[in-house]
């Protein structure tokens, strides 16, 4: 089992369900020929707004630091590649 697959198994059910819903929405917008940068920017803006309404600044910064570390390490792109190679993904 790859590291990305092992990480996927550790995702709480509620988070996985929310992720699936967001992915479906993004895919639908993409099929409607919306610009991927616009889609991603809107999703990120909405997510940041939700975080700002529910968490303190230090916690938000920890989440963003974790996300940035995932990009820097290559984990983010590896997980996308694994998902693209997985049947039904």
C-alpha atoms as a PDB file:
ATOM      1  CA  UNK A   1       0.000   0.000   0.000  1.00  0.00           C
ATOM      2  CA  UNK A   2       1.356   3.436  -0.932  1.00  0.00           C
ATOM      3  CA  UNK A   3       1.695   6.290   1.550  1.00  0.00           C
ATOM      4  CA  UNK A   4      -1.080   8.207  -0.221  1.00  0.00           C
ATOM      5  CA  UNK A   5      -3.428   5.223   0.038  1.00  0.00           C
ATOM      6  CA  UNK A   6      -2.546   4.787   3.712  1.00  0.00           C
ATOM      7  CA  UNK A   7      -3.309   8.464   4.323  1.00  0.00           C
ATOM      8  CA  UNK A   8      -6.681   8.126   2.574  1.00  0.00           C
ATOM      9  CA  UNK A   9      -7.698   5.362   4.982  1.00  0.00           C
ATOM     10  CA  UNK A  10      -7.081   7.707   7.919  1.00  0.00           C
ATOM     11  CA  UNK A  11      -9.569  10.320   6.693  1.00  0.00           C
ATOM     12  CA  UNK A  12     -12.632  10.568   8.964  1.00  0.00           C
ATOM     13  CA  UNK A  13     -15.902   9.592   7.258  1.00  0.00           C
ATOM     14  CA  UNK A  14     -17.440  13.070   7.588  1.00  0.00           C
ATOM     15  CA  UNK A  15     -14.371  14.676   6.008  1.00  0.00           C
ATOM     16  CA  UNK A  16     -14.428  12.144   3.172  1.00  0.00           C
ATOM     17  CA  UNK A  17     -18.123  12.847   2.499  1.00  0.00           C
ATOM     18  CA  UNK A  18     -17.546  16.596   2.467  1.00  0.00           C
ATOM     19  CA  UNK A  19     -14.548  16.137   0.169  1.00  0.00           C
ATOM     20  CA  UNK A  20     -16.611  14.079  -2.266  1.00  0.00           C
ATOM     21  CA  UNK A  21     -19.326  16.769  -2.346  1.00  0.00           C
ATOM     22  CA  UNK A  22     -16.775  19.524  -3.015  1.00  0.00           C
ATOM     23  CA  UNK A  23     -15.083  17.432  -5.737  1.00  0.00           C
ATOM     24  CA  UNK A  24     -18.453  16.854  -7.439  1.00  0.00           C
ATOM     25  CA  UNK A  25     -19.252  20.558  -7.345  1.00  0.00           C
ATOM     26  CA  UNK A  26     -15.827  21.483  -8.738  1.00  0.00           C
ATOM     27  CA  UNK A  27     -16.161  18.878 -11.497  1.00  0.00           C
ATOM     28  CA  UNK A  28     -19.627  20.163 -12.427  1.00  0.00           C
ATOM     29  CA  UNK A  29     -18.357  23.742 -12.638  1.00  0.00           C
ATOM     30  CA  UNK A  30     -15.413  22.546 -14.744  1.00  0.00           C
ATOM     31  CA  UNK A  31     -17.816  20.731 -17.113  1.00  0.00           C
ATOM     32  CA  UNK A  32     -19.704  24.038 -17.444  1.00  0.00           C
ATOM     33  CA  UNK A  33     -16.432  25.509 -18.793  1.00  0.00           C
ATOM     34  CA  UNK A  34     -15.633  27.670 -15.783  1.00  0.00           C
ATOM     35  CA  UNK A  35     -11.952  28.524 -15.462  1.00  0.00           C
ATOM     36  CA  UNK A  36     -10.190  26.096 -13.044  1.00  0.00           C
ATOM     37  CA  UNK A  37      -8.458  29.018 -11.306  1.00  0.00           C
ATOM     38  CA  UNK A  38     -11.820  30.717 -10.745  1.00  0.00           C
ATOM     39  CA  UNK A  39     -13.310  27.501  -9.361  1.00  0.00           C
ATOM     40  CA  UNK A  40     -10.372  26.882  -7.041  1.00  0.00           C
ATOM     41  CA  UNK A  41     -10.223  30.514  -5.915  1.00  0.00           C
ATOM     42  CA  UNK A  42     -13.943  30.535  -5.091  1.00  0.00           C
ATOM     43  CA  UNK A  43     -13.676  27.252  -3.176  1.00  0.00           C
ATOM     44  CA  UNK A  44     -10.630  28.480  -1.275  1.00  0.00           C
ATOM     45  CA  UNK A  45     -12.299  31.801  -0.491  1.00  0.00           C
ATOM     46  CA  UNK A  46     -15.390  30.023   0.780  1.00  0.00           C
ATOM     47  CA  UNK A  47     -13.298  27.660   2.871  1.00  0.00           C
ATOM     48  CA  UNK A  48     -11.327  30.524   4.382  1.00  0.00           C
ATOM     49  CA  UNK A  49     -14.563  32.350   5.180  1.00  0.00           C
ATOM     50  CA  UNK A  50     -15.930  29.289   6.948  1.00  0.00           C
ATOM     51  CA  UNK A  51     -12.686  28.867   8.884  1.00  0.00           C
ATOM     52  CA  UNK A  52     -12.738  32.542   9.884  1.00  0.00           C
ATOM     53  CA  UNK A  53     -16.276  32.153  11.242  1.00  0.00           C
ATOM     54  CA  UNK A  54     -15.425  29.041  13.260  1.00  0.00           C
ATOM     55  CA  UNK A  55     -11.734  29.115  14.265  1.00  0.00           C
ATOM     56  CA  UNK A  56      -9.156  31.475  15.703  1.00  0.00           C
ATOM     57  CA  UNK A  57      -6.360  32.913  13.548  1.00  0.00           C
ATOM     58  CA  UNK A  58      -3.623  30.660  14.974  1.00  0.00           C
ATOM     59  CA  UNK A  59      -5.589  27.505  14.144  1.00  0.00           C
ATOM     60  CA  UNK A  60      -6.288  28.755  10.615  1.00  0.00           C
ATOM     61  CA  UNK A  61      -2.586  29.488  10.143  1.00  0.00           C
ATOM     62  CA  UNK A  62      -1.695  25.947  11.282  1.00  0.00           C
ATOM     63  CA  UNK A  63      -4.107  24.537   8.692  1.00  0.00           C
ATOM     64  CA  UNK A  64      -2.639  26.749   5.979  1.00  0.00           C
ATOM     65  CA  UNK A  65       0.925  25.873   7.040  1.00  0.00           C
ATOM     66  CA  UNK A  66       0.043  22.185   6.792  1.00  0.00           C
ATOM     67  CA  UNK A  67      -1.429  22.703   3.320  1.00  0.00           C
ATOM     68  CA  UNK A  68       1.651  24.636   2.179  1.00  0.00           C
ATOM     69  CA  UNK A  69       3.930  21.907   3.548  1.00  0.00           C
ATOM     70  CA  UNK A  70       1.967  19.311   1.568  1.00  0.00           C
ATOM     71  CA  UNK A  71       2.530  21.306  -1.629  1.00  0.00           C
ATOM     72  CA  UNK A  72       6.235  21.854  -0.894  1.00  0.00           C
ATOM     73  CA  UNK A  73       6.874  18.182  -0.121  1.00  0.00           C
ATOM     74  CA  UNK A  74       5.069  16.971  -3.242  1.00  0.00           C
ATOM     75  CA  UNK A  75       2.466  15.030  -1.227  1.00  0.00           C
ATOM     76  CA  UNK A  76      -0.402  17.015  -2.743  1.00  0.00           C
ATOM     77  CA  UNK A  77       0.554  16.212  -6.329  1.00  0.00           C
ATOM     78  CA  UNK A  78       1.293  12.570  -5.489  1.00  0.00           C
ATOM     79  CA  UNK A  79      -2.149  12.146  -3.932  1.00  0.00           C
ATOM     80  CA  UNK A  80      -3.787  13.613  -7.061  1.00  0.00           C
ATOM     81  CA  UNK A  81      -1.770  11.245  -9.272  1.00  0.00           C
ATOM     82  CA  UNK A  82      -2.829   8.237  -7.161  1.00  0.00           C
ATOM     83  CA  UNK A  83      -6.472   9.339  -7.334  1.00  0.00           C
ATOM     84  CA  UNK A  84      -6.269   9.699 -11.122  1.00  0.00           C
ATOM     85  CA  UNK A  85      -4.864   6.165 -11.409  1.00  0.00           C
ATOM     86  CA  UNK A  86      -7.488   4.639  -9.117  1.00  0.00           C
ATOM     87  CA  UNK A  87     -10.489   3.135 -10.960  1.00  0.00           C
ATOM     88  CA  UNK A  88     -13.683   5.016 -10.159  1.00  0.00           C
ATOM     89  CA  UNK A  89     -11.806   8.036  -8.820  1.00  0.00           C
END
